[in-house]
Amino acid sequence: MTLTTKYFPIDAFLISGHMHMGAGASRGLMYYLQHHPSVRSFGMATYHDSKGYDEQALEYISQGKVNTMFIDPGNTGDYLSFDAAPYIKKIRSEFPNVVFVIYTWDRCWEKFTEIHPEFLHYFYLDHVYYSENKKSNLKLNIILDECQHWFKTRYDYDIAISFASEDRQLAEGVASGLKKAKARVFYDKDEQAHLLGKNLYDCLYDIYCNRSRYCIVISSISYTKKMWTTHERQAAQERTLAERGNEYIIPVRVDDTHLPGLSKSIAYINATDGVEKIVKLIIQKLWVTKKNLEKKYIGKSLY
């Protein structure tokens, strides 16, 4: 399977605090993001005076539709304006996997970080009027590259595979295909030396709950009967619960066995589809490539 350039899929949402002066710049930024190869979906909204920041964005984040927030904090410290800090902190506490890019004018950034120095390490993009005819912008490209790096290095593994020994042939085929595509895969046979001497209960919990971007569960009657697969499944489900049901577990069904705690409405891959198709679908989940790039608009109009 030959792949083109791979990008971590950025699902971006922009909230503009400068509803009048900044609207044109925000629209230009959204146009640019729409045409960037790493951006899979995009949307924008303005700050709402009566409700605070856009509540729809919180809903999108909780549904796993947004992983990158461009947010304009407005004229922080101005009595006619507002303060973005509580909104950002709320999202960061509930959804730590979301990346923030502060998008405003230099003077507003200086005021914002003077009042809230805890945000000095955040990605910052100066508020400029992007031309719709301009196909590249060095600073924005650098920011998007930094977001890519943050996402890629957040986890030790792109995929952790949980399976019963009876289904090892399928698991090994999937692991092999994903590794050929340059995915970082946790597959027990490859990790034997690494696991020697470790407390397996704690180590496997950490891998299936914290250190992997997605978890493939090869679901079968055998899977439900094993002690270690139960431990791995429960660790993965704890992660799903902590992320409010975000799409972390990817079920591959060998038979019709229902896994405890896993909603029957979750979309799954059928093992009868074969290893090649399973690997192809997982790759499309992991990365945006020129072969599978489909732009999606989410959110509301800026005006």
C-alpha atoms as a PDB file:
ATOM      1  CA  MET A   1       0.000   0.000   0.000  1.00  0.00           C
ATOM      2  CA  THR A   2       1.684   3.200  -1.192  1.00  0.00           C
ATOM      3  CA  LEU A   3       0.789   6.377   0.703  1.00  0.00           C
ATOM      4  CA  THR A   4       1.322  10.013  -0.080  1.00  0.00           C
ATOM      5  CA  THR A   5       2.343  12.652   2.477  1.00  0.00           C
ATOM      6  CA  LYS A   6       0.573  11.997   5.780  1.00  0.00           C
ATOM      7  CA  TYR A   7      -0.767  14.631   8.160  1.00  0.00           C
ATOM      8  CA  PHE A   8      -2.377  14.386  11.544  1.00  0.00           C
ATOM      9  CA  PRO A   9      -5.941  15.509  10.749  1.00  0.00           C
ATOM     10  CA  ILE A  10      -6.507  19.001  12.118  1.00  0.00           C
ATOM     11  CA  ASP A  11     -10.159  19.737  12.848  1.00  0.00           C
ATOM     12  CA  ALA A  12     -10.059  23.476  13.440  1.00  0.00           C
ATOM     13  CA  PHE A  13     -12.622  25.837  14.917  1.00  0.00           C
ATOM     14  CA  LEU A  14     -12.134  29.595  15.102  1.00  0.00           C
ATOM     15  CA  ILE A  15     -13.902  31.882  17.554  1.00  0.00           C
ATOM     16  CA  SER A  16     -13.468  35.557  16.776  1.00  0.00           C
ATOM     17  CA  GLY A  17     -13.609  38.018  19.640  1.00  0.00           C
ATOM     18  CA  HIS A  18     -13.257  41.110  17.445  1.00  0.00           C
ATOM     19  CA  MET A  19     -16.670  40.832  15.880  1.00  0.00           C
ATOM     20  CA  HIS A  20     -16.329  43.875  13.654  1.00  0.00           C
ATOM     21  CA  MET A  21     -12.706  44.885  13.050  1.00  0.00           C
ATOM     22  CA  GLY A  22     -11.426  41.296  13.169  1.00  0.00           C
ATOM     23  CA  ALA A  23     -14.147  39.666  11.118  1.00  0.00           C
ATOM     24  CA  GLY A  24     -12.361  40.104   7.785  1.00  0.00           C
ATOM     25  CA  ALA A  25      -9.094  38.745   9.157  1.00  0.00           C
ATOM     26  CA  SER A  26     -10.891  35.782  10.715  1.00  0.00           C
ATOM     27  CA  ARG A  27     -12.669  35.010   7.477  1.00  0.00           C
ATOM     28  CA  GLY A  28      -9.355  35.178   5.608  1.00  0.00           C
ATOM     29  CA  LEU A  29      -7.773  32.805   8.145  1.00  0.00           C
ATOM     30  CA  MET A  30     -10.652  30.379   7.739  1.00  0.00           C
ATOM     31  CA  TYR A  31     -10.248  30.514   3.964  1.00  0.00           C
ATOM     32  CA  TYR A  32      -6.557  29.709   4.335  1.00  0.00           C
ATOM     33  CA  LEU A  33      -7.225  26.810   6.711  1.00  0.00           C
ATOM     34  CA  GLN A  34      -9.819  25.479   4.278  1.00  0.00           C
ATOM     35  CA  HIS A  35      -7.087  25.061   1.662  1.00  0.00           C
ATOM     36  CA  HIS A  36      -4.336  23.701   3.894  1.00  0.00           C
ATOM     37  CA  PRO A  37      -3.640  19.985   3.301  1.00  0.00           C
ATOM     38  CA  SER A  38      -3.556  19.088   6.999  1.00  0.00           C
ATOM     39  CA  VAL A  39      -6.984  20.588   7.773  1.00  0.00           C
ATOM     40  CA  ARG A  40      -9.783  18.046   7.529  1.00  0.00           C
ATOM     41  CA  SER A  41     -12.650  20.120   8.908  1.00  0.00           C
ATOM     42  CA  PHE A  42     -13.089  23.743   9.844  1.00  0.00           C
ATOM     43  CA  GLY A  43     -15.662  26.113  11.266  1.00  0.00           C
ATOM     44  CA  MET A  44     -16.043  29.484  12.939  1.00  0.00           C
ATOM     45  CA  ALA A  45     -18.304  31.581  15.114  1.00  0.00           C
ATOM     46  CA  THR A  46     -18.195  34.917  16.903  1.00  0.00           C
ATOM     47  CA  TYR A  47     -18.177  35.606  20.599  1.00  0.00           C
ATOM     48  CA  HIS A  48     -21.739  35.898  21.927  1.00  0.00           C
ATOM     49  CA  ASP A  49     -22.182  38.741  24.443  1.00  0.00           C
ATOM     50  CA  SER A  50     -25.069  37.224  26.398  1.00  0.00           C
ATOM     51  CA  LYS A  51     -23.774  33.620  26.592  1.00  0.00           C
ATOM     52  CA  GLY A  52     -20.020  34.074  26.698  1.00  0.00           C
ATOM     53  CA  TYR A  53     -18.003  32.153  24.154  1.00  0.00           C
ATOM     54  CA  ASP A  54     -19.706  29.941  21.631  1.00  0.00           C
ATOM     55  CA  GLU A  55     -21.298  26.938  23.350  1.00  0.00           C
ATOM     56  CA  GLN A  56     -21.571  25.082  20.052  1.00  0.00           C
ATOM     57  CA  ALA A  57     -17.789  24.707  20.003  1.00  0.00           C
ATOM     58  CA  LEU A  58     -17.943  22.835  23.315  1.00  0.00           C
ATOM     59  CA  GLU A  59     -20.482  20.475  21.822  1.00  0.00           C
ATOM     60  CA  TYR A  60     -18.293  19.852  18.769  1.00  0.00           C
ATOM     61  CA  ILE A  61     -15.279  19.169  20.995  1.00  0.00           C
ATOM     62  CA  SER A  62     -17.231  16.731  23.156  1.00  0.00           C
ATOM     63  CA  GLN A  63     -18.305  14.922  19.970  1.00  0.00           C
ATOM     64  CA  GLY A  64     -14.703  14.627  18.805  1.00  0.00           C
ATOM     65  CA  LYS A  65     -15.281  16.990  15.866  1.00  0.00           C
ATOM     66  CA  VAL A  66     -12.711  19.617  16.940  1.00  0.00           C
ATOM     67  CA  ASN A  67      -9.127  19.116  18.092  1.00  0.00           C
ATOM     68  CA  THR A  68      -7.650  22.568  17.395  1.00  0.00           C
ATOM     69  CA  MET A  69      -9.087  25.880  18.580  1.00  0.00           C
ATOM     70  CA  PHE A  70      -8.089  29.227  17.069  1.00  0.00           C
ATOM     71  CA  ILE A  71      -9.409  31.741  19.547  1.00  0.00           C
ATOM     72  CA  ASP A  72      -9.308  35.533  19.515  1.00  0.00           C
ATOM     73  CA  PRO A  73      -9.450  36.758  23.149  1.00  0.00           C
ATOM     74  CA  GLY A  74     -10.538  40.247  22.148  1.00  0.00           C
ATOM     75  CA  ASN A  75      -9.435  43.327  24.052  1.00  0.00           C
ATOM     76  CA  THR A  76      -8.736  41.621  27.362  1.00  0.00           C
ATOM     77  CA  GLY A  77      -8.767  44.125  30.219  1.00  0.00           C
ATOM     78  CA  ASP A  78     -11.050  46.558  28.383  1.00  0.00           C
ATOM     79  CA  TYR A  79     -14.252  47.064  30.363  1.00  0.00           C
ATOM     80  CA  LEU A  80     -16.190  46.990  27.089  1.00  0.00           C
ATOM     81  CA  SER A  81     -14.767  43.602  26.207  1.00  0.00           C
ATOM     82  CA  PHE A  82     -14.461  40.193  27.885  1.00  0.00           C
ATOM     83  CA  ASP A  83     -11.909  37.720  29.163  1.00  0.00           C
ATOM     84  CA  ALA A  84     -11.251  34.497  27.244  1.00  0.00           C
ATOM     85  CA  ALA A  85      -9.238  32.856  30.026  1.00  0.00           C
ATOM     86  CA  PRO A  86     -12.106  31.082  31.868  1.00  0.00           C
ATOM     87  CA  TYR A  87     -13.404  29.627  28.587  1.00  0.00           C
ATOM     88  CA  ILE A  88      -9.968  28.342  27.555  1.00  0.00           C
ATOM     89  CA  LYS A  89      -9.320  26.882  31.012  1.00  0.00           C
ATOM     90  CA  LYS A  90     -12.697  25.143  30.986  1.00  0.00           C
ATOM     91  CA  ILE A  91     -11.928  23.408  27.687  1.00  0.00           C
ATOM     92  CA  ARG A  92      -8.356  22.544  28.725  1.00  0.00           C
ATOM     93  CA  SER A  93      -9.535  20.945  31.980  1.00  0.00           C
ATOM     94  CA  GLU A  94     -12.244  18.863  30.325  1.00  0.00           C
ATOM     95  CA  PHE A  95     -10.535  18.149  26.991  1.00  0.00           C
ATOM     96  CA  PRO A  96      -6.730  18.127  27.456  1.00  0.00           C
ATOM     97  CA  ASN A  97      -6.175  16.811  23.914  1.00  0.00           C
ATOM     98  CA  VAL A  98      -7.355  20.058  22.317  1.00  0.00           C
ATOM     99  CA  VAL A  99      -4.652  22.442  21.049  1.00  0.00           C
ATOM    100  CA  PHE A 100      -5.156  26.198  21.350  1.00  0.00           C
ATOM    101  CA  VAL A 101      -3.791  28.891  19.059  1.00  0.00           C
ATOM    102  CA  ILE A 102      -4.295  32.428  20.362  1.00  0.00           C
ATOM    103  CA  TYR A 103      -5.141  34.598  17.373  1.00  0.00           C
ATOM    104  CA  THR A 104      -5.147  38.356  17.919  1.00  0.00           C
ATOM    105  CA  TRP A 105      -3.224  41.605  17.499  1.00  0.00           C
ATOM    106  CA  ASP A 106       0.163  41.993  19.196  1.00  0.00           C
ATOM    107  CA  ARG A 107      -1.138  44.607  21.639  1.00  0.00           C
ATOM    108  CA  CYS A 108      -4.022  42.331  22.677  1.00  0.00           C
ATOM    109  CA  TRP A 109      -1.683  39.365  23.077  1.00  0.00           C
ATOM    110  CA  GLU A 110       0.594  41.443  25.295  1.00  0.00           C
ATOM    111  CA  LYS A 111      -2.327  42.573  27.449  1.00  0.00           C
ATOM    112  CA  PHE A 112      -3.822  39.081  27.600  1.00  0.00           C
ATOM    113  CA  THR A 113      -0.557  37.463  28.743  1.00  0.00           C
ATOM    114  CA  GLU A 114       0.152  40.331  31.144  1.00  0.00           C
ATOM    115  CA  ILE A 115      -3.116  39.535  32.919  1.00  0.00           C
ATOM    116  CA  HIS A 116      -2.776  35.768  32.369  1.00  0.00           C
ATOM    117  CA  PRO A 117       0.950  34.861  32.165  1.00  0.00           C
ATOM    118  CA  GLU A 118       0.013  31.163  32.336  1.00  0.00           C
ATOM    119  CA  PHE A 119      -0.831  31.396  28.625  1.00  0.00           C
ATOM    120  CA  LEU A 120       2.586  32.627  27.496  1.00  0.00           C
ATOM    121  CA  HIS A 121       3.567  29.137  26.294  1.00  0.00           C
ATOM    122  CA  TYR A 122       0.501  28.830  24.025  1.00  0.00           C
ATOM    123  CA  PHE A 123       0.833  29.010  20.246  1.00  0.00           C
ATOM    124  CA  TYR A 124       0.358  32.606  19.110  1.00  0.00           C
ATOM    125  CA  LEU A 125      -0.598  33.856  15.647  1.00  0.00           C
ATOM    126  CA  ASP A 126      -0.677  37.595  14.976  1.00  0.00           C
ATOM    127  CA  HIS A 127      -3.951  39.043  13.676  1.00  0.00           C
ATOM    128  CA  VAL A 128      -3.351  39.947  10.025  1.00  0.00           C
ATOM    129  CA  TYR A 129      -5.627  40.246   7.056  1.00  0.00           C
ATOM    130  CA  TYR A 130      -4.989  37.159   4.958  1.00  0.00           C
ATOM    131  CA  SER A 131      -5.488  37.579   1.253  1.00  0.00           C
ATOM    132  CA  GLU A 132      -7.786  35.017  -0.327  1.00  0.00           C
ATOM    133  CA  ASN A 133      -5.354  34.849  -3.252  1.00  0.00           C
ATOM    134  CA  LYS A 134      -2.369  34.110  -1.065  1.00  0.00           C
ATOM    135  CA  LYS A 135      -1.804  30.351  -0.899  1.00  0.00           C
ATOM    136  CA  SER A 136       0.927  30.306   1.703  1.00  0.00           C
ATOM    137  CA  ASN A 137       1.794  32.170   4.866  1.00  0.00           C
ATOM    138  CA  LEU A 138       5.015  31.328   6.658  1.00  0.00           C
ATOM    139  CA  LYS A 139       3.876  32.093  10.207  1.00  0.00           C
ATOM    140  CA  LEU A 140       0.629  30.168   9.887  1.00  0.00           C
ATOM    141  CA  ASN A 141       2.432  27.223   8.305  1.00  0.00           C
ATOM    142  CA  ILE A 142       4.873  27.199  11.219  1.00  0.00           C
ATOM    143  CA  ILE A 143       1.966  27.224  13.683  1.00  0.00           C
ATOM    144  CA  LEU A 144       0.263  24.332  11.886  1.00  0.00           C
ATOM    145  CA  ASP A 145       3.559  22.415  11.833  1.00  0.00           C
ATOM    146  CA  GLU A 146       3.875  22.968  15.595  1.00  0.00           C
ATOM    147  CA  CYS A 147       0.321  21.708  16.107  1.00  0.00           C
ATOM    148  CA  GLN A 148       1.185  18.644  14.015  1.00  0.00           C
ATOM    149  CA  HIS A 149       4.271  18.007  16.142  1.00  0.00           C
ATOM    150  CA  TRP A 150       2.273  18.389  19.367  1.00  0.00           C
ATOM    151  CA  PHE A 151      -0.315  15.863  18.212  1.00  0.00           C
ATOM    152  CA  LYS A 152       2.253  13.378  16.910  1.00  0.00           C
ATOM    153  CA  THR A 153       4.377  13.403  20.059  1.00  0.00           C
ATOM    154  CA  ARG A 154       1.522  13.386  22.573  1.00  0.00           C
ATOM    155  CA  TYR A 155       1.259   9.593  22.457  1.00  0.00           C
ATOM    156  CA  ASP A 156       3.866   6.853  22.359  1.00  0.00           C
ATOM    157  CA  TYR A 157       1.726   4.743  20.028  1.00  0.00           C
ATOM    158  CA  ASP A 158      -0.695   5.572  17.225  1.00  0.00           C
ATOM    159  CA  ILE A 159      -2.485   2.263  17.785  1.00  0.00           C
ATOM    160  CA  ALA A 160      -2.644  -0.256  20.629  1.00  0.00           C
ATOM    161  CA  ILE A 161      -4.123  -3.634  19.660  1.00  0.00           C
ATOM    162  CA  SER A 162      -6.074  -5.621  22.262  1.00  0.00           C
ATOM    163  CA  PHE A 163      -6.927  -9.199  21.334  1.00  0.00           C
ATOM    164  CA  ALA A 164      -7.283 -12.778  22.576  1.00  0.00           C
ATOM    165  CA  SER A 165      -4.621 -15.335  21.677  1.00  0.00           C
ATOM    166  CA  GLU A 166      -7.165 -17.180  19.523  1.00  0.00           C
ATOM    167  CA  ASP A 167      -7.296 -14.109  17.251  1.00  0.00           C
ATOM    168  CA  ARG A 168      -3.522 -13.575  17.050  1.00  0.00           C
ATOM    169  CA  GLN A 169      -3.297 -14.250  13.311  1.00  0.00           C
ATOM    170  CA  LEU A 170      -5.665 -11.369  12.566  1.00  0.00           C
ATOM    171  CA  ALA A 171      -3.970  -9.088  15.116  1.00  0.00           C
ATOM    172  CA  GLU A 172      -0.529  -9.836  13.696  1.00  0.00           C
ATOM    173  CA  GLY A 173      -1.667  -9.127  10.138  1.00  0.00           C
ATOM    174  CA  VAL A 174      -3.186  -5.782  11.159  1.00  0.00           C
ATOM    175  CA  ALA A 175      -0.102  -4.836  13.200  1.00  0.00           C
ATOM    176  CA  SER A 176       2.199  -5.734  10.314  1.00  0.00           C
ATOM    177  CA  GLY A 177       0.175  -3.693   7.801  1.00  0.00           C
ATOM    178  CA  LEU A 178       0.053  -0.656  10.063  1.00  0.00           C
ATOM    179  CA  LYS A 179       3.790  -0.805  10.767  1.00  0.00           C
ATOM    180  CA  LYS A 180       4.511  -0.945   7.031  1.00  0.00           C
ATOM    181  CA  ALA A 181       2.512   2.279   6.761  1.00  0.00           C
ATOM    182  CA  LYS A 182       4.823   3.792   9.447  1.00  0.00           C
ATOM    183  CA  ALA A 183       2.275   3.740  12.263  1.00  0.00           C
ATOM    184  CA  ARG A 184       3.579   3.288  15.790  1.00  0.00           C
ATOM    185  CA  VAL A 185       1.844   0.121  16.981  1.00  0.00           C
ATOM    186  CA  PHE A 186       1.708  -1.548  20.384  1.00  0.00           C
ATOM    187  CA  TYR A 187       1.634  -5.276  19.618  1.00  0.00           C
ATOM    188  CA  ASP A 188       2.667  -7.564  22.459  1.00  0.00           C
ATOM    189  CA  LYS A 189       5.146  -9.727  20.506  1.00  0.00           C
ATOM    190  CA  ASP A 190       7.145  -6.649  19.533  1.00  0.00           C
ATOM    191  CA  GLU A 191       7.315  -5.431  23.135  1.00  0.00           C
ATOM    192  CA  GLN A 192       8.509  -8.573  24.952  1.00  0.00           C
ATOM    193  CA  ALA A 193      11.938  -7.173  25.815  1.00  0.00           C
ATOM    194  CA  HIS A 194      10.457  -3.830  26.845  1.00  0.00           C
ATOM    195  CA  LEU A 195       7.942  -5.510  29.163  1.00  0.00           C
ATOM    196  CA  LEU A 196      10.467  -7.770  30.916  1.00  0.00           C
ATOM    197  CA  GLY A 197      10.527  -7.141  34.673  1.00  0.00           C
ATOM    198  CA  LYS A 198       7.678  -4.603  34.571  1.00  0.00           C
ATOM    199  CA  ASN A 199       4.452  -4.760  36.540  1.00  0.00           C
ATOM    200  CA  LEU A 200       2.242  -5.825  33.638  1.00  0.00           C
ATOM    201  CA  TYR A 201      -0.984  -4.772  35.344  1.00  0.00           C
ATOM    202  CA  ASP A 202       0.168  -1.160  35.676  1.00  0.00           C
ATOM    203  CA  CYS A 203       2.129  -1.042  32.419  1.00  0.00           C
ATOM    204  CA  LEU A 204      -0.677  -2.388  30.213  1.00  0.00           C
ATOM    205  CA  TYR A 205      -3.219  -0.152  31.918  1.00  0.00           C
ATOM    206  CA  ASP A 206      -1.062   2.871  31.116  1.00  0.00           C
ATOM    207  CA  ILE A 207      -0.666   1.837  27.470  1.00  0.00           C
ATOM    208  CA  TYR A 208      -4.354   1.151  26.830  1.00  0.00           C
ATOM    209  CA  CYS A 209      -5.627   4.135  28.835  1.00  0.00           C
ATOM    210  CA  ASN A 210      -3.048   6.888  28.347  1.00  0.00           C
ATOM    211  CA  ARG A 211      -0.210   6.240  25.916  1.00  0.00           C
ATOM    212  CA  SER A 212      -2.058   5.372  22.691  1.00  0.00           C
ATOM    213  CA  ARG A 213      -3.950   7.541  20.257  1.00  0.00           C
ATOM    214  CA  TYR A 214      -6.477   4.811  19.369  1.00  0.00           C
ATOM    215  CA  CYS A 215      -7.165   1.316  20.627  1.00  0.00           C
ATOM    216  CA  ILE A 216      -8.196  -1.510  18.286  1.00  0.00           C
ATOM    217  CA  VAL A 217     -10.244  -4.125  20.116  1.00  0.00           C
ATOM    218  CA  ILE A 218     -10.560  -7.407  18.234  1.00  0.00           C
ATOM    219  CA  SER A 219     -13.907  -8.489  19.597  1.00  0.00           C
ATOM    220  CA  SER A 220     -14.785 -12.195  19.846  1.00  0.00           C
ATOM    221  CA  ILE A 221     -16.223 -14.744  22.251  1.00  0.00           C
ATOM    222  CA  SER A 222     -12.640 -15.608  23.238  1.00  0.00           C
ATOM    223  CA  TYR A 223     -11.903 -11.957  24.015  1.00  0.00           C
ATOM    224  CA  THR A 224     -14.647 -11.789  26.654  1.00  0.00           C
ATOM    225  CA  LYS A 225     -13.296 -14.796  28.559  1.00  0.00           C
ATOM    226  CA  LYS A 226      -9.710 -13.687  29.174  1.00  0.00           C
ATOM    227  CA  MET A 227      -8.471 -11.872  32.275  1.00  0.00           C
ATOM    228  CA  TRP A 228      -5.901  -9.698  30.499  1.00  0.00           C
ATOM    229  CA  THR A 229      -8.176  -8.667  27.639  1.00  0.00           C
ATOM    230  CA  THR A 230     -10.778  -7.634  30.227  1.00  0.00           C
ATOM    231  CA  HIS A 231      -8.136  -5.485  31.931  1.00  0.00           C
ATOM    232  CA  GLU A 232      -7.114  -3.898  28.621  1.00  0.00           C
ATOM    233  CA  ARG A 233     -10.725  -3.263  27.606  1.00  0.00           C
ATOM    234  CA  GLN A 234     -11.572  -1.634  30.928  1.00  0.00           C
ATOM    235  CA  ALA A 235      -8.507   0.622  30.672  1.00  0.00           C
ATOM    236  CA  ALA A 236      -9.555   1.686  27.161  1.00  0.00           C
ATOM    237  CA  GLN A 237     -13.140   2.281  28.321  1.00  0.00           C
ATOM    238  CA  GLU A 238     -11.899   4.434  31.183  1.00  0.00           C
ATOM    239  CA  ARG A 239     -10.140   6.616  28.635  1.00  0.00           C
ATOM    240  CA  THR A 240     -13.329   6.815  26.551  1.00  0.00           C
ATOM    241  CA  LEU A 241     -15.320   7.831  29.623  1.00  0.00           C
ATOM    242  CA  ALA A 242     -12.768  10.493  30.592  1.00  0.00           C
ATOM    243  CA  GLU A 243     -12.981  11.948  27.073  1.00  0.00           C
ATOM    244  CA  ARG A 244     -16.789  11.952  27.149  1.00  0.00           C
ATOM    245  CA  GLY A 245     -17.206   9.139  24.671  1.00  0.00           C
ATOM    246  CA  ASN A 246     -14.642  10.407  22.167  1.00  0.00           C
ATOM    247  CA  GLU A 247     -13.929   7.861  19.435  1.00  0.00           C
ATOM    248  CA  TYR A 248     -10.948   6.107  21.012  1.00  0.00           C
ATOM    249  CA  ILE A 249     -11.945   2.428  20.771  1.00  0.00           C
ATOM    250  CA  ILE A 250     -12.093   0.966  17.255  1.00  0.00           C
ATOM    251  CA  PRO A 251     -13.853  -2.418  17.365  1.00  0.00           C
ATOM    252  CA  VAL A 252     -12.978  -5.131  14.849  1.00  0.00           C
ATOM    253  CA  ARG A 253     -15.641  -7.820  15.164  1.00  0.00           C
ATOM    254  CA  VAL A 254     -14.778 -11.462  14.619  1.00  0.00           C
ATOM    255  CA  ASP A 255     -18.269 -12.590  15.650  1.00  0.00           C
ATOM    256  CA  ASP A 256     -21.465 -11.115  17.118  1.00  0.00           C
ATOM    257  CA  THR A 257     -20.293 -11.230  20.721  1.00  0.00           C
ATOM    258  CA  HIS A 258     -21.223  -8.066  22.627  1.00  0.00           C
ATOM    259  CA  LEU A 259     -18.455  -6.565  24.731  1.00  0.00           C
ATOM    260  CA  PRO A 260     -19.581  -5.356  28.184  1.00  0.00           C
ATOM    261  CA  GLY A 261     -19.695  -1.590  28.440  1.00  0.00           C
ATOM    262  CA  LEU A 262     -19.341  -1.021  24.702  1.00  0.00           C
ATOM    263  CA  SER A 263     -22.337   0.638  23.054  1.00  0.00           C
ATOM    264  CA  LYS A 264     -23.968  -1.436  20.322  1.00  0.00           C
ATOM    265  CA  SER A 265     -24.288   1.744  18.255  1.00  0.00           C
ATOM    266  CA  ILE A 266     -20.498   2.202  17.889  1.00  0.00           C
ATOM    267  CA  ALA A 267     -19.413   1.759  14.277  1.00  0.00           C
ATOM    268  CA  TYR A 268     -17.141  -1.237  13.825  1.00  0.00           C
ATOM    269  CA  ILE A 269     -15.038  -3.029  11.211  1.00  0.00           C
ATOM    270  CA  ASN A 270     -16.000  -6.557  10.292  1.00  0.00           C
ATOM    271  CA  ALA A 271     -13.076  -8.993  10.442  1.00  0.00           C
ATOM    272  CA  THR A 272     -14.415 -10.714   7.312  1.00  0.00           C
ATOM    273  CA  ASP A 273     -13.473  -7.569   5.351  1.00  0.00           C
ATOM    274  CA  GLY A 274      -9.893  -8.816   5.507  1.00  0.00           C
ATOM    275  CA  VAL A 275      -6.616  -7.428   6.826  1.00  0.00           C
ATOM    276  CA  GLU A 276      -5.914  -5.131   3.865  1.00  0.00           C
ATOM    277  CA  LYS A 277      -9.221  -3.280   4.178  1.00  0.00           C
ATOM    278  CA  ILE A 278      -8.941  -3.078   7.977  1.00  0.00           C
ATOM    279  CA  VAL A 279      -5.473  -1.530   7.670  1.00  0.00           C
ATOM    280  CA  LYS A 280      -6.660   0.897   4.981  1.00  0.00           C
ATOM    281  CA  LEU A 281      -9.556   2.117   7.148  1.00  0.00           C
ATOM    282  CA  ILE A 282      -7.325   2.570  10.193  1.00  0.00           C
ATOM    283  CA  ILE A 283      -4.806   4.553   8.147  1.00  0.00           C
ATOM    284  CA  GLN A 284      -7.591   6.843   6.945  1.00  0.00           C
ATOM    285  CA  LYS A 285      -8.550   7.320  10.582  1.00  0.00           C
ATOM    286  CA  LEU A 286      -4.985   8.099  11.609  1.00  0.00           C
ATOM    287  CA  TRP A 287      -3.959  10.528   8.904  1.00  0.00           C
ATOM    288  CA  VAL A 288      -5.096  12.900   6.230  1.00  0.00           C
ATOM    289  CA  THR A 289      -3.486  12.009   2.905  1.00  0.00           C
ATOM    290  CA  LYS A 290      -3.987  13.306  -0.597  1.00  0.00           C
ATOM    291  CA  LYS A 291      -5.950  10.139  -1.247  1.00  0.00           C
ATOM    292  CA  ASN A 292      -8.524  10.547   1.502  1.00  0.00           C
ATOM    293  CA  LEU A 293      -8.730  14.310   2.044  1.00  0.00           C
ATOM    294  CA  GLU A 294     -12.355  15.400   2.294  1.00  0.00           C
ATOM    295  CA  LYS A 295     -12.955  18.917   3.589  1.00  0.00           C
ATOM    296  CA  LYS A 296     -15.895  19.367   5.928  1.00  0.00           C
ATOM    297  CA  TYR A 297     -17.436  22.604   7.182  1.00  0.00           C
ATOM    298  CA  ILE A 298     -18.761  22.646  10.719  1.00  0.00           C
ATOM    299  CA  GLY A 299     -20.138  25.502  12.773  1.00  0.00           C
ATOM    300  CA  LYS A 300     -21.907  28.670  11.832  1.00  0.00           C
ATOM    301  CA  SER A 301     -21.374  31.717   9.700  1.00  0.00           C
ATOM    302  CA  LEU A 302     -19.057  34.358  11.080  1.00  0.00           C
ATOM    303  CA  TYR A 303     -21.792  36.950  10.597  1.00  0.00           C
END
